[in-house]
């Protein structure tokens, strides 16, 4: 048997994992988009991530499948991306939003403490 034929299950698994990774990257883009209200930046980010998806797909295909284009790999990548977006994406998005708000609160508190210390120093002088 050919080496490429023996590696088909491994190639399938890696393509599924990279499809999930692309979905996670898309979730991060969605969170960034919700927090930054600039249409140009949103458009740029969308094109950048679209380019990044194609780049990931191309390099996975080149590295694992020796550059041979097979239809089942494209279908697998798209299905993994869709499954991540439908089922796992909402859970991940909620988790990342909670992390972001906690981080934002800590930064805001540190900033307010810094301002309060400056005011107290000015009052003491």
PDB file of N, CA and C in Angstrom:
ATOM      1  N   UNK A   1       0.834  -1.191   0.000  1.00  0.00           N
ATOM      2  CA  UNK A   1       0.000   0.000   0.000  1.00  0.00           C
ATOM      3  C   UNK A   1       0.868   1.238   0.000  1.00  0.00           C
ATOM      4  N   UNK A   2       0.337   2.271  -0.553  1.00  0.00           N
ATOM      5  CA  UNK A   2       1.051   3.533  -0.581  1.00  0.00           C
ATOM      6  C   UNK A   2       1.085   4.162   0.802  1.00  0.00           C
ATOM      7  N   UNK A   3       2.142   4.907   1.042  1.00  0.00           N
ATOM      8  CA  UNK A   3       2.298   5.592   2.324  1.00  0.00           C
ATOM      9  C   UNK A   3       1.155   6.586   2.540  1.00  0.00           C
ATOM     10  N   UNK A   4       0.749   7.255   1.475  1.00  0.00           N
ATOM     11  CA  UNK A   4      -0.326   8.244   1.576  1.00  0.00           C
ATOM     12  C   UNK A   4      -1.652   7.591   1.957  1.00  0.00           C
ATOM     13  N   UNK A   5      -1.886   6.380   1.459  1.00  0.00           N
ATOM     14  CA  UNK A   5      -3.123   5.682   1.769  1.00  0.00           C
ATOM     15  C   UNK A   5      -3.142   5.219   3.222  1.00  0.00           C
ATOM     16  N   UNK A   6      -2.013   4.826   3.750  1.00  0.00           N
ATOM     17  CA  UNK A   6      -1.943   4.387   5.138  1.00  0.00           C
ATOM     18  C   UNK A   6      -2.154   5.544   6.116  1.00  0.00           C
ATOM     19  N   UNK A   7      -1.847   6.748   5.697  1.00  0.00           N
ATOM     20  CA  UNK A   7      -1.972   7.910   6.576  1.00  0.00           C
ATOM     21  C   UNK A   7      -3.327   8.599   6.501  1.00  0.00           C
ATOM     22  N   UNK A   8      -4.281   8.072   5.776  1.00  0.00           N
ATOM     23  CA  UNK A   8      -5.563   8.760   5.614  1.00  0.00           C
ATOM     24  C   UNK A   8      -6.282   9.016   6.944  1.00  0.00           C
ATOM     25  N   UNK A   9      -6.328   8.061   7.897  1.00  0.00           N
ATOM     26  CA  UNK A   9      -6.986   8.380   9.176  1.00  0.00           C
ATOM     27  C   UNK A   9      -6.285   9.511   9.939  1.00  0.00           C
ATOM     28  N   UNK A  10      -4.967   9.524   9.902  1.00  0.00           N
ATOM     29  CA  UNK A  10      -4.214  10.580  10.563  1.00  0.00           C
ATOM     30  C   UNK A  10      -4.478  11.920   9.878  1.00  0.00           C
ATOM     31  N   UNK A  11      -4.505  11.945   8.578  1.00  0.00           N
ATOM     32  CA  UNK A  11      -4.783  13.175   7.832  1.00  0.00           C
ATOM     33  C   UNK A  11      -6.189  13.673   8.167  1.00  0.00           C
ATOM     34  N   UNK A  12      -7.140  12.763   8.210  1.00  0.00           N
ATOM     35  CA  UNK A  12      -8.524  13.115   8.543  1.00  0.00           C
ATOM     36  C   UNK A  12      -8.595  13.756   9.928  1.00  0.00           C
ATOM     37  N   UNK A  13      -7.924  13.159  10.908  1.00  0.00           N
ATOM     38  CA  UNK A  13      -7.935  13.682  12.271  1.00  0.00           C
ATOM     39  C   UNK A  13      -7.323  15.080  12.333  1.00  0.00           C
ATOM     40  N   UNK A  14      -6.188  15.275  11.689  1.00  0.00           N
ATOM     41  CA  UNK A  14      -5.547  16.580  11.711  1.00  0.00           C
ATOM     42  C   UNK A  14      -6.372  17.636  10.993  1.00  0.00           C
ATOM     43  N   UNK A  15      -7.034  17.274   9.932  1.00  0.00           N
ATOM     44  CA  UNK A  15      -7.879  18.237   9.223  1.00  0.00           C
ATOM     45  C   UNK A  15      -9.063  18.641  10.111  1.00  0.00           C
ATOM     46  N   UNK A  16      -9.629  17.683  10.836  1.00  0.00           N
ATOM     47  CA  UNK A  16     -10.712  17.999  11.774  1.00  0.00           C
ATOM     48  C   UNK A  16     -10.201  18.949  12.858  1.00  0.00           C
ATOM     49  N   UNK A  17      -9.022  18.677  13.407  1.00  0.00           N
ATOM     50  CA  UNK A  17      -8.468  19.538  14.453  1.00  0.00           C
ATOM     51  C   UNK A  17      -8.182  20.943  13.933  1.00  0.00           C
ATOM     52  N   UNK A  18      -7.655  21.051  12.732  1.00  0.00           N
ATOM     53  CA  UNK A  18      -7.409  22.372  12.171  1.00  0.00           C
ATOM     54  C   UNK A  18      -8.705  23.081  11.800  1.00  0.00           C
ATOM     55  N   UNK A  19      -9.742  22.351  11.474  1.00  0.00           N
ATOM     56  CA  UNK A  19     -11.057  22.963  11.264  1.00  0.00           C
ATOM     57  C   UNK A  19     -11.596  23.554  12.557  1.00  0.00           C
ATOM     58  N   UNK A  20     -11.424  22.810  13.668  1.00  0.00           N
ATOM     59  CA  UNK A  20     -11.823  23.339  14.967  1.00  0.00           C
ATOM     60  C   UNK A  20     -10.985  24.563  15.339  1.00  0.00           C
ATOM     61  N   UNK A  21      -9.689  24.514  15.061  1.00  0.00           N
ATOM     62  CA  UNK A  21      -8.814  25.648  15.342  1.00  0.00           C
ATOM     63  C   UNK A  21      -9.255  26.881  14.550  1.00  0.00           C
ATOM     64  N   UNK A  22      -9.613  26.691  13.310  1.00  0.00           N
ATOM     65  CA  UNK A  22     -10.096  27.815  12.499  1.00  0.00           C
ATOM     66  C   UNK A  22     -11.384  28.381  13.074  1.00  0.00           C
ATOM     67  N   UNK A  23     -12.259  27.522  13.571  1.00  0.00           N
ATOM     68  CA  UNK A  23     -13.492  27.994  14.204  1.00  0.00           C
ATOM     69  C   UNK A  23     -13.224  28.790  15.464  1.00  0.00           C
ATOM     70  N   UNK A  24     -12.249  28.357  16.243  1.00  0.00           N
ATOM     71  CA  UNK A  24     -11.884  29.085  17.463  1.00  0.00           C
ATOM     72  C   UNK A  24     -11.308  30.452  17.101  1.00  0.00           C
ATOM     73  N   UNK A  25     -10.494  30.499  16.070  1.00  0.00           N
ATOM     74  CA  UNK A  25      -9.951  31.779  15.610  1.00  0.00           C
ATOM     75  C   UNK A  25     -11.090  32.689  15.150  1.00  0.00           C
ATOM     76  N   UNK A  26     -12.090  32.116  14.494  1.00  0.00           N
ATOM     77  CA  UNK A  26     -13.238  32.910  14.055  1.00  0.00           C
ATOM     78  C   UNK A  26     -14.009  33.443  15.257  1.00  0.00           C
ATOM     79  N   UNK A  27     -14.123  32.651  16.337  1.00  0.00           N
ATOM     80  CA  UNK A  27     -14.779  33.131  17.551  1.00  0.00           C
ATOM     81  C   UNK A  27     -14.027  34.306  18.165  1.00  0.00           C
ATOM     82  N   UNK A  28     -12.710  34.227  18.160  1.00  0.00           N
ATOM     83  CA  UNK A  28     -11.921  35.343  18.672  1.00  0.00           C
ATOM     84  C   UNK A  28     -12.156  36.600  17.844  1.00  0.00           C
ATOM     85  N   UNK A  29     -12.260  36.435  16.534  1.00  0.00           N
ATOM     86  CA  UNK A  29     -12.551  37.569  15.652  1.00  0.00           C
ATOM     87  C   UNK A  29     -13.908  38.179  15.985  1.00  0.00           C
ATOM     88  N   UNK A  30     -14.871  37.318  16.263  1.00  0.00           N
ATOM     89  CA  UNK A  30     -16.211  37.800  16.574  1.00  0.00           C
ATOM     90  C   UNK A  30     -16.225  38.610  17.872  1.00  0.00           C
ATOM     91  N   UNK A  31     -15.465  38.172  18.857  1.00  0.00           N
ATOM     92  CA  UNK A  31     -15.394  38.905  20.122  1.00  0.00           C
ATOM     93  C   UNK A  31     -14.698  40.247  19.920  1.00  0.00           C
ATOM     94  N   UNK A  32     -13.623  40.250  19.155  1.00  0.00           N
ATOM     95  CA  UNK A  32     -12.928  41.506  18.875  1.00  0.00           C
ATOM     96  C   UNK A  32     -13.846  42.458  18.123  1.00  0.00           C
ATOM     97  N   UNK A  33     -14.604  41.916  17.177  1.00  0.00           N
ATOM     98  CA  UNK A  33     -15.525  42.739  16.387  1.00  0.00           C
ATOM     99  C   UNK A  33     -16.603  43.364  17.266  1.00  0.00           C
ATOM    100  N   UNK A  34     -17.103  42.623  18.253  1.00  0.00           N
ATOM    101  CA  UNK A  34     -18.143  43.153  19.127  1.00  0.00           C
ATOM    102  C   UNK A  34     -17.621  44.270  20.031  1.00  0.00           C
ATOM    103  N   UNK A  35     -16.335  44.258  20.334  1.00  0.00           N
ATOM    104  CA  UNK A  35     -15.784  45.259  21.237  1.00  0.00           C
ATOM    105  C   UNK A  35     -15.226  46.481  20.519  1.00  0.00           C
ATOM    106  N   UNK A  36     -14.928  46.358  19.240  1.00  0.00           N
ATOM    107  CA  UNK A  36     -14.400  47.484  18.467  1.00  0.00           C
ATOM    108  C   UNK A  36     -15.415  47.809  17.380  1.00  0.00           C
ATOM    109  N   UNK A  37     -15.909  49.019  17.406  1.00  0.00           N
ATOM    110  CA  UNK A  37     -16.992  49.411  16.488  1.00  0.00           C
ATOM    111  C   UNK A  37     -16.474  50.201  15.291  1.00  0.00           C
ATOM    112  N   UNK A  38     -15.412  49.733  14.666  1.00  0.00           N
ATOM    113  CA  UNK A  38     -14.853  50.404  13.501  1.00  0.00           C
ATOM    114  C   UNK A  38     -15.109  49.519  12.279  1.00  0.00           C
ATOM    115  N   UNK A  39     -15.844  50.029  11.297  1.00  0.00           N
ATOM    116  CA  UNK A  39     -16.208  49.212  10.136  1.00  0.00           C
ATOM    117  C   UNK A  39     -15.002  48.843   9.284  1.00  0.00           C
ATOM    118  N   UNK A  40     -14.059  49.759   9.144  1.00  0.00           N
ATOM    119  CA  UNK A  40     -12.856  49.454   8.370  1.00  0.00           C
ATOM    120  C   UNK A  40     -12.064  48.334   9.034  1.00  0.00           C
ATOM    121  N   UNK A  41     -11.894  48.431  10.346  1.00  0.00           N
ATOM    122  CA  UNK A  41     -11.165  47.410  11.077  1.00  0.00           C
ATOM    123  C   UNK A  41     -11.889  46.067  10.992  1.00  0.00           C
ATOM    124  N   UNK A  42     -13.208  46.095  11.066  1.00  0.00           N
ATOM    125  CA  UNK A  42     -14.005  44.872  10.949  1.00  0.00           C
ATOM    126  C   UNK A  42     -13.827  44.232   9.578  1.00  0.00           C
ATOM    127  N   UNK A  43     -13.866  45.037   8.534  1.00  0.00           N
ATOM    128  CA  UNK A  43     -13.684  44.530   7.170  1.00  0.00           C
ATOM    129  C   UNK A  43     -12.277  43.959   6.998  1.00  0.00           C
ATOM    130  N   UNK A  44     -11.277  44.685   7.489  1.00  0.00           N
ATOM    131  CA  UNK A  44      -9.898  44.215   7.411  1.00  0.00           C
ATOM    132  C   UNK A  44      -9.727  42.897   8.160  1.00  0.00           C
ATOM    133  N   UNK A  45     -10.310  42.814   9.358  1.00  0.00           N
ATOM    134  CA  UNK A  45     -10.214  41.601  10.165  1.00  0.00           C
ATOM    135  C   UNK A  45     -10.902  40.425   9.473  1.00  0.00           C
ATOM    136  N   UNK A  46     -12.035  40.679   8.827  1.00  0.00           N
ATOM    137  CA  UNK A  46     -12.736  39.605   8.118  1.00  0.00           C
ATOM    138  C   UNK A  46     -11.891  39.067   6.963  1.00  0.00           C
ATOM    139  N   UNK A  47     -11.296  39.962   6.180  1.00  0.00           N
ATOM    140  CA  UNK A  47     -10.438  39.512   5.084  1.00  0.00           C
ATOM    141  C   UNK A  47      -9.190  38.810   5.601  1.00  0.00           C
ATOM    142  N   UNK A  48      -8.644  39.317   6.701  1.00  0.00           N
ATOM    143  CA  UNK A  48      -7.455  38.694   7.284  1.00  0.00           C
ATOM    144  C   UNK A  48      -7.754  37.270   7.742  1.00  0.00           C
ATOM    145  N   UNK A  49      -8.874  37.080   8.432  1.00  0.00           N
ATOM    146  CA  UNK A  49      -9.216  35.735   8.908  1.00  0.00           C
ATOM    147  C   UNK A  49      -9.598  34.803   7.769  1.00  0.00           C
ATOM    148  N   UNK A  50     -10.247  35.321   6.747  1.00  0.00           N
ATOM    149  CA  UNK A  50     -10.546  34.505   5.579  1.00  0.00           C
ATOM    150  C   UNK A  50      -9.242  34.035   4.920  1.00  0.00           C
ATOM    151  N   UNK A  51      -8.297  34.957   4.788  1.00  0.00           N
ATOM    152  CA  UNK A  51      -6.980  34.607   4.258  1.00  0.00           C
ATOM    153  C   UNK A  51      -6.284  33.596   5.156  1.00  0.00           C
ATOM    154  N   UNK A  52      -6.409  33.784   6.479  1.00  0.00           N
ATOM    155  CA  UNK A  52      -5.792  32.863   7.432  1.00  0.00           C
ATOM    156  C   UNK A  52      -6.404  31.462   7.327  1.00  0.00           C
ATOM    157  N   UNK A  53      -7.722  31.367   7.114  1.00  0.00           N
ATOM    158  CA  UNK A  53      -8.361  30.056   6.946  1.00  0.00           C
ATOM    159  C   UNK A  53      -7.815  29.337   5.720  1.00  0.00           C
ATOM    160  N   UNK A  54      -7.736  30.059   4.614  1.00  0.00           N
ATOM    161  CA  UNK A  54      -7.209  29.437   3.402  1.00  0.00           C
ATOM    162  C   UNK A  54      -5.746  29.037   3.567  1.00  0.00           C
ATOM    163  N   UNK A  55      -5.003  29.866   4.271  1.00  0.00           N
ATOM    164  CA  UNK A  55      -3.598  29.557   4.518  1.00  0.00           C
ATOM    165  C   UNK A  55      -3.461  28.307   5.382  1.00  0.00           C
ATOM    166  N   UNK A  56      -4.264  28.219   6.434  1.00  0.00           N
ATOM    167  CA  UNK A  56      -4.237  27.024   7.289  1.00  0.00           C
ATOM    168  C   UNK A  56      -4.607  25.798   6.477  1.00  0.00           C
ATOM    169  N   UNK A  57      -5.664  25.905   5.685  1.00  0.00           N
ATOM    170  CA  UNK A  57      -6.091  24.762   4.875  1.00  0.00           C
ATOM    171  C   UNK A  57      -5.004  24.361   3.877  1.00  0.00           C
ATOM    172  N   UNK A  58      -4.394  25.352   3.240  1.00  0.00           N
ATOM    173  CA  UNK A  58      -3.362  25.068   2.253  1.00  0.00           C
ATOM    174  C   UNK A  58      -2.163  24.366   2.889  1.00  0.00           C
ATOM    175  N   UNK A  59      -1.685  24.884   4.020  1.00  0.00           N
ATOM    176  CA  UNK A  59      -0.516  24.281   4.648  1.00  0.00           C
ATOM    177  C   UNK A  59      -0.805  22.918   5.256  1.00  0.00           C
ATOM    178  N   UNK A  60      -2.013  22.730   5.787  1.00  0.00           N
ATOM    179  CA  UNK A  60      -2.377  21.392   6.275  1.00  0.00           C
ATOM    180  C   UNK A  60      -2.396  20.415   5.116  1.00  0.00           C
ATOM    181  N   UNK A  61      -2.974  20.830   4.002  1.00  0.00           N
ATOM    182  CA  UNK A  61      -3.022  19.966   2.824  1.00  0.00           C
ATOM    183  C   UNK A  61      -1.620  19.701   2.280  1.00  0.00           C
ATOM    184  N   UNK A  62      -0.787  20.710   2.273  1.00  0.00           N
ATOM    185  CA  UNK A  62       0.568  20.562   1.755  1.00  0.00           C
ATOM    186  C   UNK A  62       1.412  19.672   2.661  1.00  0.00           C
ATOM    187  N   UNK A  63       1.313  19.866   3.953  1.00  0.00           N
ATOM    188  CA  UNK A  63       2.153  19.125   4.895  1.00  0.00           C
ATOM    189  C   UNK A  63       1.671  17.680   5.085  1.00  0.00           C
ATOM    190  N   UNK A  64       0.385  17.495   5.249  1.00  0.00           N
ATOM    191  CA  UNK A  64      -0.122  16.165   5.583  1.00  0.00           C
ATOM    192  C   UNK A  64      -0.455  15.319   4.367  1.00  0.00           C
ATOM    193  N   UNK A  65      -0.934  15.942   3.320  1.00  0.00           N
ATOM    194  CA  UNK A  65      -1.408  15.183   2.168  1.00  0.00           C
ATOM    195  C   UNK A  65      -0.503  15.369   0.952  1.00  0.00           C
ATOM    196  N   UNK A  66       0.686  15.869   1.189  1.00  0.00           N
ATOM    197  CA  UNK A  66       1.705  16.030   0.148  1.00  0.00           C
ATOM    198  C   UNK A  66       1.207  16.889  -1.016  1.00  0.00           C
ATOM    199  N   UNK A  67       0.343  17.848  -0.719  1.00  0.00           N
ATOM    200  CA  UNK A  67      -0.134  18.773  -1.726  1.00  0.00           C
ATOM    201  C   UNK A  67      -1.204  18.223  -2.649  1.00  0.00           C
ATOM    202  N   UNK A  68      -1.642  17.015  -2.404  1.00  0.00           N
ATOM    203  CA  UNK A  68      -2.693  16.436  -3.245  1.00  0.00           C
ATOM    204  C   UNK A  68      -4.041  16.945  -2.767  1.00  0.00           C
ATOM    205  N   UNK A  69      -4.787  17.510  -3.671  1.00  0.00           N
ATOM    206  CA  UNK A  69      -6.110  18.022  -3.334  1.00  0.00           C
ATOM    207  C   UNK A  69      -7.108  16.877  -3.415  1.00  0.00           C
ATOM    208  N   UNK A  70      -7.728  16.606  -2.309  1.00  0.00           N
ATOM    209  CA  UNK A  70      -8.769  15.574  -2.276  1.00  0.00           C
ATOM    210  C   UNK A  70     -10.037  16.205  -1.722  1.00  0.00           C
ATOM    211  N   UNK A  71     -11.130  15.841  -2.336  1.00  0.00           N
ATOM    212  CA  UNK A  71     -12.396  16.472  -2.004  1.00  0.00           C
ATOM    213  C   UNK A  71     -12.818  16.196  -0.562  1.00  0.00           C
ATOM    214  N   UNK A  72     -12.521  15.007  -0.044  1.00  0.00           N
ATOM    215  CA  UNK A  72     -12.965  14.688   1.308  1.00  0.00           C
ATOM    216  C   UNK A  72     -12.241  15.551   2.342  1.00  0.00           C
ATOM    217  N   UNK A  73     -11.053  16.027   2.029  1.00  0.00           N
ATOM    218  CA  UNK A  73     -10.346  16.891   2.973  1.00  0.00           C
ATOM    219  C   UNK A  73     -11.031  18.251   3.045  1.00  0.00           C
ATOM    220  N   UNK A  74     -11.448  18.780   1.916  1.00  0.00           N
ATOM    221  CA  UNK A  74     -12.180  20.043   1.905  1.00  0.00           C
ATOM    222  C   UNK A  74     -13.505  19.904   2.654  1.00  0.00           C
ATOM    223  N   UNK A  75     -14.216  18.819   2.403  1.00  0.00           N
ATOM    224  CA  UNK A  75     -15.490  18.574   3.097  1.00  0.00           C
ATOM    225  C   UNK A  75     -15.258  18.429   4.599  1.00  0.00           C
ATOM    226  N   UNK A  76     -14.219  17.696   4.985  1.00  0.00           N
ATOM    227  CA  UNK A  76     -13.911  17.497   6.397  1.00  0.00           C
ATOM    228  C   UNK A  76     -13.581  18.816   7.079  1.00  0.00           C
ATOM    229  N   UNK A  77     -12.769  19.633   6.436  1.00  0.00           N
ATOM    230  CA  UNK A  77     -12.404  20.930   7.004  1.00  0.00           C
ATOM    231  C   UNK A  77     -13.649  21.795   7.190  1.00  0.00           C
ATOM    232  N   UNK A  78     -14.498  21.862   6.183  1.00  0.00           N
ATOM    233  CA  UNK A  78     -15.723  22.676   6.261  1.00  0.00           C
ATOM    234  C   UNK A  78     -16.684  22.133   7.316  1.00  0.00           C
ATOM    235  N   UNK A  79     -16.825  20.820   7.405  1.00  0.00           N
ATOM    236  CA  UNK A  79     -17.706  20.231   8.419  1.00  0.00           C
ATOM    237  C   UNK A  79     -17.189  20.493   9.829  1.00  0.00           C
ATOM    238  N   UNK A  80     -15.883  20.349  10.030  1.00  0.00           N
ATOM    239  CA  UNK A  80     -15.312  20.600  11.356  1.00  0.00           C
ATOM    240  C   UNK A  80     -15.490  22.064  11.744  1.00  0.00           C
ATOM    241  N   UNK A  81     -15.283  22.954  10.803  1.00  0.00           N
ATOM    242  CA  UNK A  81     -15.484  24.377  11.056  1.00  0.00           C
ATOM    243  C   UNK A  81     -16.948  24.655  11.390  1.00  0.00           C
ATOM    244  N   UNK A  82     -17.866  24.054  10.662  1.00  0.00           N
ATOM    245  CA  UNK A  82     -19.301  24.249  10.910  1.00  0.00           C
ATOM    246  C   UNK A  82     -19.724  23.679  12.255  1.00  0.00           C
ATOM    247  N   UNK A  83     -19.248  22.494  12.581  1.00  0.00           N
ATOM    248  CA  UNK A  83     -19.593  21.876  13.870  1.00  0.00           C
ATOM    249  C   UNK A  83     -19.085  22.734  15.024  1.00  0.00           C
ATOM    250  N   UNK A  84     -17.874  23.245  14.887  1.00  0.00           N
ATOM    251  CA  UNK A  84     -17.334  24.105  15.939  1.00  0.00           C
ATOM    252  C   UNK A  84     -18.167  25.369  16.059  1.00  0.00           C
ATOM    253  N   UNK A  85     -18.537  25.954  14.951  1.00  0.00           N
ATOM    254  CA  UNK A  85     -19.309  27.189  14.983  1.00  0.00           C
ATOM    255  C   UNK A  85     -20.695  26.967  15.588  1.00  0.00           C
ATOM    256  N   UNK A  86     -21.324  25.829  15.281  1.00  0.00           N
ATOM    257  CA  UNK A  86     -22.692  25.588  15.751  1.00  0.00           C
ATOM    258  C   UNK A  86     -22.722  25.143  17.210  1.00  0.00           C
ATOM    259  N   UNK A  87     -21.919  24.170  17.573  1.00  0.00           N
ATOM    260  CA  UNK A  87     -22.029  23.568  18.892  1.00  0.00           C
ATOM    261  C   UNK A  87     -21.046  24.144  19.920  1.00  0.00           C
ATOM    262  N   UNK A  88     -19.803  24.210  19.567  1.00  0.00           N
ATOM    263  CA  UNK A  88     -18.787  24.618  20.529  1.00  0.00           C
ATOM    264  C   UNK A  88     -18.610  26.132  20.551  1.00  0.00           C
ATOM    265  N   UNK A  89     -18.902  26.785  19.454  1.00  0.00           N
ATOM    266  CA  UNK A  89     -18.668  28.221  19.324  1.00  0.00           C
ATOM    267  C   UNK A  89     -19.383  29.059  20.360  1.00  0.00           C
ATOM    268  N   UNK A  90     -20.644  28.760  20.632  1.00  0.00           N
ATOM    269  CA  UNK A  90     -21.399  29.542  21.610  1.00  0.00           C
ATOM    270  C   UNK A  90     -20.823  29.381  23.013  1.00  0.00           C
ATOM    271  N   UNK A  91     -20.456  28.161  23.372  1.00  0.00           N
ATOM    272  CA  UNK A  91     -19.858  27.930  24.693  1.00  0.00           C
ATOM    273  C   UNK A  91     -18.529  28.664  24.827  1.00  0.00           C
ATOM    274  N   UNK A  92     -17.715  28.564  23.809  1.00  0.00           N
ATOM    275  CA  UNK A  92     -16.415  29.224  23.825  1.00  0.00           C
ATOM    276  C   UNK A  92     -16.568  30.736  23.837  1.00  0.00           C
ATOM    277  N   UNK A  93     -17.515  31.232  23.076  1.00  0.00           N
ATOM    278  CA  UNK A  93     -17.733  32.672  23.033  1.00  0.00           C
ATOM    279  C   UNK A  93     -18.162  33.206  24.396  1.00  0.00           C
ATOM    280  N   UNK A  94     -19.062  32.515  25.059  1.00  0.00           N
ATOM    281  CA  UNK A  94     -19.495  32.942  26.391  1.00  0.00           C
ATOM    282  C   UNK A  94     -18.337  32.905  27.384  1.00  0.00           C
ATOM    283  N   UNK A  95     -17.528  31.852  27.318  1.00  0.00           N
ATOM    284  CA  UNK A  95     -16.372  31.742  28.209  1.00  0.00           C
ATOM    285  C   UNK A  95     -15.382  32.877  27.959  1.00  0.00           C
ATOM    286  N   UNK A  96     -15.092  33.165  26.696  1.00  0.00           N
ATOM    287  CA  UNK A  96     -14.140  34.233  26.374  1.00  0.00           C
ATOM    288  C   UNK A  96     -14.682  35.607  26.748  1.00  0.00           C
ATOM    289  N   UNK A  97     -15.987  35.806  26.625  1.00  0.00           N
ATOM    290  CA  UNK A  97     -16.583  37.079  27.036  1.00  0.00           C
ATOM    291  C   UNK A  97     -16.434  37.280  28.537  1.00  0.00           C
ATOM    292  N   UNK A  98     -16.665  36.214  29.321  1.00  0.00           N
ATOM    293  CA  UNK A  98     -16.504  36.315  30.769  1.00  0.00           C
ATOM    294  C   UNK A  98     -15.059  36.628  31.134  1.00  0.00           C
ATOM    295  N   UNK A  99     -14.125  35.973  30.478  1.00  0.00           N
ATOM    296  CA  UNK A  99     -12.709  36.242  30.736  1.00  0.00           C
ATOM    297  C   UNK A  99     -12.362  37.688  30.377  1.00  0.00           C
ATOM    298  N   UNK A 100     -12.875  38.152  29.259  1.00  0.00           N
ATOM    299  CA  UNK A 100     -12.587  39.516  28.821  1.00  0.00           C
ATOM    300  C   UNK A 100     -13.159  40.539  29.792  1.00  0.00           C
ATOM    301  N   UNK A 101     -14.392  40.329  30.258  1.00  0.00           N
ATOM    302  CA  UNK A 101     -14.988  41.293  31.185  1.00  0.00           C
ATOM    303  C   UNK A 101     -14.243  41.300  32.515  1.00  0.00           C
ATOM    304  N   UNK A 102     -13.810  40.134  32.987  1.00  0.00           N
ATOM    305  CA  UNK A 102     -13.026  40.108  34.230  1.00  0.00           C
ATOM    306  C   UNK A 102     -11.706  40.841  34.046  1.00  0.00           C
ATOM    307  N   UNK A 103     -11.055  40.624  32.927  1.00  0.00           N
ATOM    308  CA  UNK A 103      -9.804  41.303  32.638  1.00  0.00           C
ATOM    309  C   UNK A 103     -10.024  42.810  32.540  1.00  0.00           C
ATOM    310  N   UNK A 104     -11.100  43.198  31.874  1.00  0.00           N
ATOM    311  CA  UNK A 104     -11.408  44.608  31.714  1.00  0.00           C
ATOM    312  C   UNK A 104     -11.688  45.265  33.062  1.00  0.00           C
ATOM    313  N   UNK A 105     -12.392  44.573  33.951  1.00  0.00           N
ATOM    314  CA  UNK A 105     -12.672  45.116  35.279  1.00  0.00           C
ATOM    315  C   UNK A 105     -11.386  45.293  36.086  1.00  0.00           C
ATOM    316  N   UNK A 106     -10.495  44.315  35.990  1.00  0.00           N
ATOM    317  CA  UNK A 106      -9.235  44.432  36.729  1.00  0.00           C
ATOM    318  C   UNK A 106      -8.416  45.604  36.225  1.00  0.00           C
ATOM    319  N   UNK A 107      -8.343  45.771  34.910  1.00  0.00           N
ATOM    320  CA  UNK A 107      -7.603  46.887  34.344  1.00  0.00           C
ATOM    321  C   UNK A 107      -8.234  48.213  34.765  1.00  0.00           C
ATOM    322  N   UNK A 108      -9.548  48.277  34.729  1.00  0.00           N
ATOM    323  CA  UNK A 108     -10.253  49.497  35.117  1.00  0.00           C
ATOM    324  C   UNK A 108     -10.009  49.813  36.591  1.00  0.00           C
ATOM    325  N   UNK A 109     -10.031  48.799  37.436  1.00  0.00           N
ATOM    326  CA  UNK A 109      -9.783  48.997  38.862  1.00  0.00           C
ATOM    327  C   UNK A 109      -8.353  49.476  39.097  1.00  0.00           C
ATOM    328  N   UNK A 110      -7.388  48.883  38.415  1.00  0.00           N
ATOM    329  CA  UNK A 110      -6.000  49.329  38.555  1.00  0.00           C
ATOM    330  C   UNK A 110      -5.844  50.782  38.119  1.00  0.00           C
ATOM    331  N   UNK A 111      -6.495  51.142  37.041  1.00  0.00           N
ATOM    332  CA  UNK A 111      -6.435  52.518  36.544  1.00  0.00           C
ATOM    333  C   UNK A 111      -7.062  53.485  37.538  1.00  0.00           C
ATOM    334  N   UNK A 112      -8.218  53.120  38.094  1.00  0.00           N
ATOM    335  CA  UNK A 112      -8.872  53.978  39.081  1.00  0.00           C
ATOM    336  C   UNK A 112      -8.032  54.111  40.341  1.00  0.00           C
ATOM    337  N   UNK A 113      -7.396  53.031  40.777  1.00  0.00           N
ATOM    338  CA  UNK A 113      -6.522  53.098  41.952  1.00  0.00           C
ATOM    339  C   UNK A 113      -5.334  54.021  41.709  1.00  0.00           C
ATOM    340  N   UNK A 114      -4.798  53.965  40.509  1.00  0.00           N
ATOM    341  CA  UNK A 114      -3.670  54.821  40.161  1.00  0.00           C
ATOM    342  C   UNK A 114      -4.076  56.290  40.191  1.00  0.00           C
ATOM    343  N   UNK A 115      -5.236  56.600  39.659  1.00  0.00           N
ATOM    344  CA  UNK A 115      -5.744  57.980  39.669  1.00  0.00           C
ATOM    345  C   UNK A 115      -6.015  58.436  41.101  1.00  0.00           C
ATOM    346  N   UNK A 116      -6.577  57.561  41.918  1.00  0.00           N
ATOM    347  CA  UNK A 116      -6.878  57.890  43.310  1.00  0.00           C
ATOM    348  C   UNK A 116      -5.585  58.189  44.078  1.00  0.00           C
ATOM    349  N   UNK A 117      -4.541  57.420  43.825  1.00  0.00           N
ATOM    350  CA  UNK A 117      -3.253  57.659  44.491  1.00  0.00           C
ATOM    351  C   UNK A 117      -2.672  58.999  44.070  1.00  0.00           C
ATOM    352  N   UNK A 118      -2.786  59.337  42.801  1.00  0.00           N
ATOM    353  CA  UNK A 118      -2.288  60.637  42.344  1.00  0.00           C
ATOM    354  C   UNK A 118      -3.037  61.780  42.996  1.00  0.00           C
ATOM    355  N   UNK A 119      -4.349  61.664  43.132  1.00  0.00           N
ATOM    356  CA  UNK A 119      -5.133  62.711  43.776  1.00  0.00           C
ATOM    357  C   UNK A 119      -4.767  62.846  45.246  1.00  0.00           C
ATOM    358  N   UNK A 120      -4.548  61.710  45.909  1.00  0.00           N
ATOM    359  CA  UNK A 120      -4.174  61.756  47.321  1.00  0.00           C
ATOM    360  C   UNK A 120      -2.809  62.399  47.487  1.00  0.00           C
ATOM    361  N   UNK A 121      -1.867  62.155  46.584  1.00  0.00           N
ATOM    362  CA  UNK A 121      -0.555  62.793  46.665  1.00  0.00           C
ATOM    363  C   UNK A 121      -0.655  64.297  46.465  1.00  0.00           C
ATOM    364  N   UNK A 122      -1.529  64.697  45.543  1.00  0.00           N
ATOM    365  CA  UNK A 122      -1.707  66.137  45.311  1.00  0.00           C
ATOM    366  C   UNK A 122      -2.329  66.812  46.506  1.00  0.00           C
ATOM    367  N   UNK A 123      -3.276  66.139  47.164  1.00  0.00           N
ATOM    368  CA  UNK A 123      -3.930  66.718  48.347  1.00  0.00           C
ATOM    369  C   UNK A 123      -2.965  66.785  49.515  1.00  0.00           C
ATOM    370  N   UNK A 124      -2.055  65.831  49.626  1.00  0.00           N
ATOM    371  CA  UNK A 124      -1.091  65.826  50.737  1.00  0.00           C
ATOM    372  C   UNK A 124      -0.062  66.949  50.607  1.00  0.00           C
ATOM    373  N   UNK A 125       0.210  67.378  49.413  1.00  0.00           N
ATOM    374  CA  UNK A 125       1.214  68.440  49.211  1.00  0.00           C
ATOM    375  C   UNK A 125       0.581  69.729  49.533  1.00  0.00           C
TER     376      UNK A 125
END
